[in-house]
Protein backbone atom coordinates (compact mmCIF):
# COMPACT_ATOMS: atom_id res chain seq x y z
CA UNK A 1 7.29 14.32 32.33
CA UNK A 2 7.95 10.76 30.64
CA UNK A 3 8.47 10.71 27.20
CA UNK A 4 6.35 7.82 25.61
CA UNK A 5 7.12 6.95 21.75
CA UNK A 6 4.29 7.33 19.58
CA UNK A 7 1.17 4.90 19.81
CA UNK A 8 -0.96 6.75 17.25
CA UNK A 9 -1.48 9.81 15.13
CA UNK A 10 -0.61 13.78 16.44
CA UNK A 11 -4.31 14.57 15.35
CA UNK A 12 -5.50 11.82 17.78
CA UNK A 13 -5.92 9.01 14.75
CA UNK A 14 -5.26 5.74 16.56
CA UNK A 15 -3.14 3.01 14.60
CA UNK A 16 -6.81 0.80 14.76
CA UNK A 17 -8.69 3.79 13.05
CA UNK A 18 -8.40 0.87 9.84
CA UNK A 19 -12.03 -0.16 8.41
CA UNK A 20 -14.08 -2.23 10.65
CA UNK A 21 -16.28 -4.75 8.59
CA UNK A 22 -18.41 -6.35 10.77
CA UNK A 23 -19.52 -10.01 9.88
CA UNK A 24 -22.43 -11.55 7.33
CA UNK A 25 -24.56 -14.37 6.89
CA UNK A 26 -25.05 -15.14 3.79
CA UNK A 27 -21.41 -16.58 2.29
CA UNK A 28 -19.42 -15.57 5.10
CA UNK A 29 -17.99 -12.97 4.06
CA UNK A 30 -17.79 -9.48 5.75
CA UNK A 31 -20.60 -6.85 5.42
CA UNK A 32 -18.82 -4.81 3.12
CA UNK A 33 -18.19 -7.48 0.53
CA UNK A 34 -21.41 -7.83 -0.05
CA UNK A 35 -22.28 -4.51 -0.89
CA UNK A 36 -19.81 -4.37 -3.04
CA UNK A 37 -21.28 -7.37 -5.03
CA UNK A 38 -24.55 -5.33 -4.92
CA UNK A 39 -22.94 -2.30 -5.71
CA UNK A 40 -21.49 -3.28 -9.15
CA UNK A 41 -24.94 -4.28 -10.23
CA UNK A 42 -25.88 -0.71 -10.07
CA UNK A 43 -22.41 0.63 -10.89
CA UNK A 44 -21.79 -2.06 -14.41
CA UNK A 45 -21.69 -0.31 -17.63
CA UNK A 46 -20.68 3.43 -16.67
CA UNK A 47 -16.78 2.43 -16.72
CA UNK A 48 -14.93 1.28 -19.63
CA UNK A 49 -11.32 0.00 -19.48
CA UNK A 50 -8.82 2.84 -21.14
CA UNK A 51 -6.59 1.92 -23.69
CA UNK A 52 -2.99 0.45 -22.55
CA UNK A 53 0.47 1.56 -22.36
CA UNK A 54 3.41 -0.78 -22.80
CA UNK A 55 3.14 -3.33 -19.20
CA UNK A 56 6.56 -3.02 -17.60
CA UNK A 57 4.96 -4.25 -13.75
CA UNK A 58 2.47 -7.01 -13.66
CA UNK A 59 2.28 -6.07 -10.08
CA UNK A 60 3.04 -3.31 -8.01
CA UNK A 61 3.13 -3.60 -3.74
CA UNK A 62 2.73 -0.74 -1.53
CA UNK A 63 4.72 -0.11 1.60
CA UNK A 64 3.08 2.68 3.12
CA UNK A 65 5.14 3.84 6.54
CA UNK A 66 1.89 5.53 8.48
CA UNK A 67 2.85 8.25 9.95
CA UNK A 68 6.06 9.88 7.96
CA UNK A 69 9.11 8.70 8.05
CA UNK A 70 11.80 10.91 8.91
CA UNK A 71 14.07 11.65 5.72
CA UNK A 72 17.44 12.69 7.42
CA UNK A 73 17.61 9.88 9.45
CA UNK A 74 16.78 7.17 6.62
CA UNK A 75 17.85 8.24 3.29
CA UNK A 76 18.73 11.48 3.11
CA UNK A 77 21.46 12.22 5.50
CA UNK A 78 23.07 15.71 6.21
CA UNK A 79 26.42 14.99 8.07
CA UNK A 80 27.70 18.27 7.77
CA UNK A 81 24.49 20.21 9.20
CA UNK A 82 24.66 21.79 12.67
CA UNK A 83 24.40 18.86 15.05
CA UNK A 84 20.70 20.31 15.77
CA UNK A 85 19.95 19.25 11.83
CA UNK A 86 21.91 16.32 11.63
CA UNK A 87 21.27 14.30 14.60
CA UNK A 88 22.60 10.86 15.96
CA UNK A 89 22.86 8.83 13.01
CA UNK A 90 25.51 8.78 10.61
CA UNK A 91 25.33 7.59 6.92
CA UNK A 92 26.67 4.29 5.76
CA UNK A 93 28.32 3.45 2.29
CA UNK A 94 25.76 0.96 -0.13
CA UNK A 95 26.46 -1.87 -3.30
CA UNK A 96 26.00 1.51 -5.57
CA UNK A 97 29.67 3.86 -5.29
CA UNK A 98 28.42 7.37 -4.02
CA UNK A 99 25.14 6.95 -2.67
CA UNK A 100 24.88 6.81 1.38
CA UNK A 101 22.03 5.64 3.44
CA UNK A 102 21.57 6.15 7.70
CA UNK A 103 23.93 2.94 9.49
CA UNK A 104 20.54 1.20 10.88
CA UNK A 105 19.89 0.11 7.43
CA UNK A 106 22.61 -2.32 6.89
CA UNK A 107 20.71 -4.57 4.65
CA UNK A 108 18.65 -2.14 2.45
CA UNK A 109 22.68 -0.41 2.08
CA UNK A 110 23.36 -4.25 0.20
CA UNK A 111 20.54 -4.25 -2.29
CA UNK A 112 20.85 -0.30 -3.22
CA UNK A 113 21.78 -1.31 -6.52
CA UNK A 114 18.47 -2.87 -6.76
CA UNK A 115 16.47 0.31 -5.41
CA UNK A 116 15.82 3.82 -6.54
CA UNK A 117 15.34 7.04 -4.37
CA UNK A 118 13.63 9.70 -4.77
CA UNK A 119 14.99 12.20 -2.41
CA UNK A 120 12.05 15.25 -3.67
CA UNK A 121 8.72 14.17 -3.09
CA UNK A 122 7.33 17.61 -1.92
CA UNK A 123 4.28 19.04 -1.22
CA UNK A 124 1.61 21.04 0.35
CA UNK A 125 -0.66 18.99 2.92
CA UNK A 126 1.18 18.79 6.44
CA UNK A 127 -1.64 17.15 7.93
CA UNK A 128 -2.04 13.01 8.26
CA UNK A 129 -5.37 12.26 6.75
CA UNK A 130 -5.13 15.26 3.76
CA UNK A 131 -1.11 14.06 3.27
CA UNK A 132 -1.98 10.40 2.97
CA UNK A 133 -5.11 11.19 0.34
CA UNK A 134 -2.52 13.24 -1.52
CA UNK A 135 -0.33 10.73 -1.91
CA UNK A 136 -2.28 7.72 -1.90
CA UNK A 137 -4.01 9.00 -4.72
CA UNK A 138 -1.80 11.92 -6.86
CA UNK A 139 -4.06 14.67 -6.14
CA UNK A 140 -4.52 17.06 -3.37
CA UNK A 141 -8.07 16.19 -1.33
CA UNK A 142 -11.13 18.18 -2.41
CA UNK A 143 -14.29 18.12 -0.42
CA UNK A 144 -16.20 17.55 -3.23
CA UNK A 145 -14.42 14.58 -5.30
CA UNK A 146 -12.92 11.49 -3.45
CA UNK A 147 -9.88 10.00 -5.95
CA UNK A 148 -9.88 6.60 -5.83
CA UNK A 149 -5.81 5.14 -4.67
CA UNK A 150 -3.83 3.38 -6.07
CA UNK A 151 -4.63 0.00 -6.01
CA UNK A 152 -8.50 0.42 -6.97
CA UNK A 153 -7.27 2.14 -10.06
CA UNK A 154 -5.46 -0.92 -11.17
CA UNK A 155 -7.77 -2.74 -10.10
CA UNK A 156 -10.75 -1.17 -12.10
CA UNK A 157 -8.18 -1.41 -15.07
CA UNK A 158 -6.60 -5.16 -14.71
CA UNK A 159 -10.74 -6.20 -13.41
CA UNK A 160 -11.68 -8.08 -10.32
CA UNK A 161 -9.64 -11.44 -10.73
CA UNK A 162 -10.10 -15.37 -10.25
CA UNK A 163 -10.37 -16.76 -7.03
CA UNK A 164 -8.07 -13.68 -5.17
CA UNK A 165 -9.07 -10.04 -5.31
CA UNK A 166 -6.76 -7.99 -7.61
CA UNK A 167 -6.22 -5.26 -4.63
CA UNK A 168 -5.66 -7.04 -0.75
CA UNK A 169 -4.44 -4.76 2.03
CA UNK A 170 -2.86 -6.15 4.73
CA UNK A 171 -3.36 -5.88 7.08
CA UNK A 172 -6.12 -3.74 6.98
CA UNK A 173 -6.97 -1.43 4.71
CA UNK A 174 -6.54 2.88 5.62
CA UNK A 175 -9.66 4.93 4.99
CA UNK A 176 -7.90 6.72 2.13
CA UNK A 177 -7.07 3.93 0.54
CA UNK A 178 -11.10 2.88 -1.04
CA UNK A 179 -11.97 2.89 -4.35
CA UNK A 180 -13.10 7.11 -4.82
CA UNK A 181 -15.47 7.93 -7.26
CA UNK A 182 -14.56 4.00 -9.09
CA UNK A 183 -17.35 2.09 -7.89
CA UNK A 184 -17.13 -0.12 -4.03
CA UNK A 185 -16.41 -3.29 -6.00
CA UNK A 186 -12.68 -2.06 -6.33
CA UNK A 187 -12.01 -1.12 -2.28
CA UNK A 188 -9.21 -3.40 -1.40
CA UNK A 189 -9.99 -7.08 0.58
CA UNK A 190 -8.41 -6.32 3.58
CA UNK A 191 -7.06 -9.59 5.51
CA UNK A 192 -7.89 -8.16 8.37
CA UNK A 193 -5.80 -10.18 10.88
CA UNK A 194 -1.76 -9.56 11.96
CA UNK A 195 0.22 -11.86 9.35
CA UNK A 196 2.75 -11.58 12.40
CA UNK A 197 0.63 -13.30 14.67
CA UNK A 198 0.87 -17.45 15.21
CA UNK A 199 -2.63 -17.73 14.79
CA UNK A 200 -3.03 -15.21 11.97
CA UNK A 201 -6.19 -16.13 9.81
CA UNK A 202 -7.37 -13.68 7.09
CA UNK A 203 -11.16 -12.56 8.14
CA UNK A 204 -13.70 -14.64 6.68
CA UNK A 205 -11.49 -16.91 5.30
CA UNK A 206 -11.33 -18.31 8.09
CA UNK A 207 -13.29 -16.86 10.45
CA UNK A 208 -12.57 -18.94 14.23
CA UNK A 209 -15.25 -16.29 15.37
CA UNK A 210 -18.10 -17.62 12.28
CA UNK A 211 -16.84 -20.19 10.56
CA UNK A 212 -19.36 -21.99 7.86
CA UNK A 213 -18.21 -25.56 7.05
CA UNK A 214 -18.06 -25.66 3.11
CA UNK A 215 -21.20 -27.94 3.16
CA UNK A 216 -23.33 -24.97 4.87
CA UNK A 217 -21.57 -22.33 2.32
CA UNK A 218 -22.60 -24.44 -0.81
CA UNK A 219 -26.30 -25.14 0.50
CA UNK A 220 -26.77 -20.69 1.21
CA UNK A 221 -24.86 -20.25 -2.32
CA UNK A 222 -27.43 -22.67 -3.58
CA UNK A 223 -30.36 -20.99 -1.83
CA UNK A 224 -28.75 -17.16 -3.25
CA UNK A 225 -29.23 -18.69 -6.40
CA UNK A 226 -32.61 -20.28 -5.69
CA UNK A 227 -33.81 -16.34 -5.47
CA UNK A 228 -32.07 -14.76 -7.36
CA UNK A 229 -33.66 -16.79 -10.39
CA UNK A 230 -36.87 -16.61 -8.39
CA UNK A 231 -35.76 -12.77 -8.89
CA UNK A 232 -34.69 -12.62 -12.58
CA UNK A 233 -38.86 -13.60 -13.19
CA UNK A 234 -39.67 -10.67 -12.43
CA UNK A 235 -37.05 -8.21 -13.44
CA UNK A 236 -34.22 -9.31 -15.45
CA UNK A 237 -31.56 -6.74 -16.60
CA UNK A 238 -27.28 -6.15 -16.96
CA UNK A 239 -27.57 -5.63 -13.73
CA UNK A 240 -28.31 -9.67 -12.03
CA UNK A 241 -25.86 -11.14 -14.27
CA UNK A 242 -23.23 -8.72 -13.22
CA UNK A 243 -23.98 -9.39 -9.58
CA UNK A 244 -24.17 -13.49 -10.75
CA UNK A 245 -20.01 -13.22 -11.16
CA UNK A 246 -19.82 -11.44 -7.64
CA UNK A 247 -21.37 -14.33 -6.28
CA UNK A 248 -19.17 -16.12 -8.16
CA UNK A 249 -15.72 -14.48 -7.12
CA UNK A 250 -16.99 -14.37 -3.21
CA UNK A 251 -17.75 -18.35 -3.51
CA UNK A 252 -14.58 -19.00 -5.18
CA UNK A 253 -12.29 -16.98 -2.29
CA UNK A 254 -13.61 -18.72 0.67
CA UNK A 255 -13.92 -22.45 -1.14
CA UNK A 256 -10.69 -22.61 -2.86
CA UNK A 257 -7.63 -23.72 -2.13
CA UNK A 258 -5.54 -22.11 -4.44
CA UNK A 259 -7.07 -18.79 -2.07
CA UNK A 260 -6.26 -19.83 1.14
CA UNK A 261 -2.79 -21.55 0.37
CA UNK A 262 -1.53 -18.34 -1.39
CA UNK A 263 -2.46 -16.26 2.12
CA UNK A 264 -1.03 -19.32 4.45
CA UNK A 265 2.68 -18.30 6.12
CA UNK A 266 2.83 -21.37 7.75
CA UNK A 267 3.45 -23.27 4.15
CA UNK A 268 7.00 -20.77 3.87
CA UNK A 269 10.35 -22.61 5.37
CA UNK A 270 11.38 -20.21 9.56
CA UNK A 271 14.36 -19.28 7.73
CA UNK A 272 12.57 -17.49 5.26
CA UNK A 273 9.86 -15.72 7.65
CA UNK A 274 12.65 -14.60 9.99
CA UNK A 275 14.27 -14.06 7.10
CA UNK A 276 12.09 -10.87 6.36
CA UNK A 277 11.66 -10.51 10.50
CA UNK A 278 8.06 -11.64 12.31
CA UNK A 279 6.94 -8.25 12.86
CA UNK A 280 3.67 -7.21 10.74
CA UNK A 281 5.30 -5.33 8.24
CA UNK A 282 7.86 -8.00 7.64
CA UNK A 283 5.33 -10.91 7.79
CA UNK A 284 3.24 -8.40 5.82
CA UNK A 285 5.89 -8.01 3.07
CA UNK A 286 6.26 -11.99 3.06
CA UNK A 287 2.48 -12.59 2.33
CA UNK A 288 2.48 -9.82 0.10
CA UNK A 289 5.30 -11.53 -1.91
CA UNK A 290 2.71 -14.91 -1.99
CA UNK A 291 -0.33 -13.06 -3.41
CA UNK A 292 1.42 -11.62 -6.32
CA UNK A 293 3.25 -14.41 -7.09
CA UNK A 294 -0.73 -15.58 -6.80
CA UNK A 295 -1.71 -13.10 -9.34
CA UNK A 296 -2.91 -10.15 -7.38
CA UNK A 297 -1.84 -7.30 -9.11
CA UNK A 298 -1.81 -4.92 -6.45
CA UNK A 299 -1.19 -5.00 -2.56
CA UNK A 300 -0.72 -2.52 0.45
CA UNK A 301 1.22 -3.49 3.36
CA UNK A 302 0.60 -1.16 6.43
CA UNK A 303 3.09 -0.81 9.29
CA UNK A 304 0.66 0.07 11.58
CA UNK A 305 -2.01 -1.99 11.34
CA UNK A 306 -0.54 -5.03 13.75
CA UNK A 307 -0.11 -4.83 17.68
CA UNK A 308 2.92 -2.72 18.19
CA UNK A 309 1.29 0.87 19.23
CA UNK A 310 4.72 2.40 17.40
CA UNK A 311 4.17 4.45 14.05
CA UNK A 312 6.80 7.07 12.09
CA UNK A 313 5.27 9.90 13.72
CA UNK A 314 8.04 10.33 15.89
CA UNK A 315 6.99 13.62 17.33
CA UNK A 316 9.00 12.50 20.54
CA UNK A 317 11.87 10.79 21.54
CA UNK A 318 12.93 10.51 17.57
CA UNK A 319 16.37 8.51 17.89
CA UNK A 320 15.82 5.52 19.99
CA UNK A 321 12.39 4.51 18.11
CA UNK A 322 14.35 4.26 14.99
CA UNK A 323 16.83 2.69 16.13
CA UNK A 324 15.19 0.28 17.81
CA UNK A 325 12.39 -0.59 16.78
CA UNK A 326 11.08 0.80 13.22
CA UNK A 327 14.13 0.78 11.21
CA UNK A 328 15.37 -2.50 11.61
CA UNK A 329 11.85 -3.50 10.90
CA UNK A 330 12.16 -2.45 7.94
CA UNK A 331 15.58 -3.11 7.32
CA UNK A 332 14.83 -6.72 7.17
CA UNK A 333 11.46 -6.44 5.73
CA UNK A 334 12.45 -4.17 2.80
CA UNK A 335 15.84 -5.94 1.84
CA UNK A 336 14.59 -9.39 2.48
CA UNK A 337 11.28 -8.83 -0.20
CA UNK A 338 13.66 -7.19 -3.03
CA UNK A 339 16.38 -10.35 -2.66
CA UNK A 340 13.24 -13.02 -2.03
CA UNK A 341 11.33 -11.13 -5.38
CA UNK A 342 14.53 -11.06 -7.40
CA UNK A 343 15.34 -14.78 -7.08
CA UNK A 344 12.58 -15.86 -7.83
CA UNK A 345 12.43 -13.76 -11.59
CA UNK A 346 9.26 -12.12 -9.96
CA UNK A 347 11.24 -8.19 -9.23
CA UNK A 348 11.47 -6.97 -13.33
CA UNK A 349 7.73 -7.55 -13.22
CA UNK A 350 6.97 -6.26 -9.74
CA UNK A 351 6.79 -2.92 -8.34
CA UNK A 352 7.76 -2.19 -4.94
CA UNK A 353 7.39 1.50 -3.10
CA UNK A 354 7.90 2.60 0.05
CA UNK A 355 6.83 6.12 1.36
CA UNK A 356 5.14 8.12 4.12
CA UNK A 357 2.66 10.56 3.92
CA UNK A 358 5.19 13.49 4.38
CA UNK A 359 8.75 13.65 5.80
CA UNK A 360 10.20 15.23 8.74
CA UNK A 361 10.90 18.97 10.33
CA UNK A 362 15.13 19.30 9.98
CA UNK A 363 15.44 20.60 12.76
CA UNK A 364 14.95 18.77 16.32
CA UNK A 365 12.02 19.72 18.82
CA UNK A 366 12.19 20.24 22.43
CA UNK A 367 11.24 16.47 22.87
CA UNK A 368 14.03 14.82 20.79
CA UNK A 369 11.15 14.06 17.63
CA UNK A 370 10.76 15.33 14.89
CA UNK A 371 7.68 17.35 13.37
CA UNK A 372 6.13 17.19 10.35
CA UNK A 373 7.25 18.65 6.75
CA UNK A 374 5.94 18.04 3.64
CA UNK A 375 8.34 20.32 1.51
CA UNK A 376 10.63 17.30 1.10
CA UNK A 377 10.86 13.43 1.70
CA UNK A 378 11.84 10.18 0.57
CA UNK A 379 10.40 7.37 -1.38
CA UNK A 380 11.78 4.38 -2.83
CA UNK A 381 11.03 2.45 -5.76
CA UNK A 382 12.41 -0.91 -7.00
CA UNK A 383 11.37 -3.60 -9.84
CA UNK A 384 8.90 -3.59 -12.37
CA UNK A 385 10.55 -1.22 -14.64
CA UNK A 386 12.84 1.11 -13.01
CA UNK A 387 15.80 1.84 -13.08
CA UNK A 388 18.24 0.43 -10.57
CA UNK A 389 20.46 2.38 -8.28
CA UNK A 390 19.69 5.78 -9.28
CA UNK A 391 19.09 8.84 -7.34
CA UNK A 392 16.32 11.48 -8.25
CA UNK A 393 16.86 15.08 -6.77
CA UNK A 394 18.91 16.51 -4.28
CA UNK A 395 18.01 18.31 -0.69
CA UNK A 396 19.65 21.53 0.23
CA UNK A 397 22.38 21.38 3.30
CA UNK A 398 19.31 20.87 5.73
CA UNK A 399 17.28 19.38 4.25
CA UNK A 400 14.00 21.56 4.11
CA UNK A 401 13.91 22.05 -0.02
CA UNK A 402 14.49 20.58 -2.64
CA UNK A 403 16.87 22.31 -4.94
CA UNK A 404 17.17 20.24 -7.71
CA UNK A 405 14.72 17.78 -9.25
CA UNK A 406 11.36 18.52 -7.55
CA UNK A 407 8.77 15.66 -7.19
CA UNK A 408 4.95 15.53 -6.67
CA UNK A 409 2.71 13.00 -5.38
CA UNK A 410 1.33 13.55 -8.82
CA UNK A 411 4.78 12.80 -10.96
CA UNK A 412 4.99 9.99 -8.55
CA UNK A 413 1.17 8.72 -9.31
CA UNK A 414 2.14 9.22 -12.88
CA UNK A 415 5.41 7.37 -12.75
CA UNK A 416 3.71 4.53 -10.83
CA UNK A 417 0.80 4.36 -13.36
CA UNK A 418 3.09 4.76 -16.27
CA UNK A 419 5.47 1.47 -15.45
CA UNK A 420 2.02 -0.47 -14.46
CA UNK A 421 0.81 0.03 -18.37
CA UNK A 422 -2.04 2.24 -17.31
CA UNK A 423 -2.52 5.70 -19.74
CA UNK A 424 -1.64 7.85 -16.42
CA UNK A 425 -3.52 10.74 -18.69
CA UNK A 426 -6.75 9.19 -19.37
CA UNK A 427 -10.32 10.88 -18.44
CA UNK A 428 -12.13 9.02 -16.16
CA UNK A 429 -16.10 9.50 -14.92
CA UNK A 430 -17.64 9.50 -12.22
CA UNK A 431 -21.26 8.15 -11.53
CA UNK A 432 -22.33 11.60 -11.66
CA UNK A 433 -21.18 11.73 -14.69
CA UNK A 434 -18.05 14.41 -14.01
CA UNK A 435 -15.18 14.16 -15.76
CA UNK A 436 -11.85 13.62 -14.04
CA UNK A 437 -7.93 13.11 -15.32
CA UNK A 438 -6.59 10.11 -13.94
CA UNK A 439 -3.77 12.55 -13.01
CA UNK A 440 -3.75 16.14 -13.13
CA UNK A 441 -0.73 18.10 -13.17
CA UNK A 442 1.63 15.34 -13.24
CA UNK A 443 4.12 13.42 -15.83
CA UNK A 444 6.67 10.37 -15.51
CA UNK A 445 9.73 10.97 -13.57
CA UNK A 446 11.88 9.69 -16.79
CA UNK A 447 15.25 9.18 -14.68
CA UNK A 448 13.33 6.57 -12.28
CA UNK A 449 12.52 4.33 -16.17
CA UNK A 450 14.81 2.30 -17.39
């Protein structure tokens, strides 16, 4: 039997199982974005902003390693364990004395003095979708409640933004990145294309399949204004005013040169692009830097939305898949992002997090891979108030369970919200009147905070 590297998720989810949205005519926007415009009218007034905490991070970039990266082969190696545990990779020293990571992450090793590692993330969910929901919201999935993702909460607290949305997903939004019980207008704006593609264009901003000249957009906007004015004569209320602001933002997005420039990777020097790596992940991280530089509050970069059919779900051929493809891409992208933000004096105000939904089994399986393991896995955080060069927690000699300082998804959520100036213990309200804690049973990890 020929073993192949992972081209999707083991539960049947394709790497293309992202939001796919059709194009609508009115302003050349996507259908979902137009529906979000309407949604605000229905939801306006139901949600009030919380009391803010001191804000150490203005923006956040979340790098999502879909599929679940192996902690034992990246940031929590076990060189003294048996061969069927430790695997093929060796540890290497980093810029932090006493801290070692995988030998195939040499560039990240060089910037480890600006990064914090959490080695004891732990949770109960071992299935991709449920674990992703848990890690992206801080809540275990419940059938009766859909919880908002971090980016949606940040967009809700910060507002919709001006000429750019405050929550953007690169290249697409996973189904667990949505607004949950918050209004749909706090869903992410998906760029809808692979930034590593030479012909990359943001869907609906430069859509080649449905492109509207500026003159036609302006005429259609005027038509919408006239129709709305007629409707106001029949029923004047807050919903109409709320919808007006949506149309204004939509118009700004598709006509603003600033918006187009922020998404335009051709404005970067080729050497800079190559520094990040010409992969979906690398160019996605470069685009994320441009967006936070332009003022976007939250950007998610997913590693599984481009043309390369590989995920971190390495049930088979774990070691060549990591060594030859996944680790080099991550090494270039993450290290370049940290250095670039630091050089531009943006790192101290930008929280950069990367993680996946769980780790991998310590014991290598019969197909030279590792299976799902939520009991222990790793995440890295940098910038935005993070204590540099620190390691939080310790796992046992086989990397199976935390032996010191376990960190739950709720703890991680509380830490991120705290750094972003959002009270993690505030109460939110659903549109049916239920009160829900933003973070339940979680506390900020003090060892992470500078």
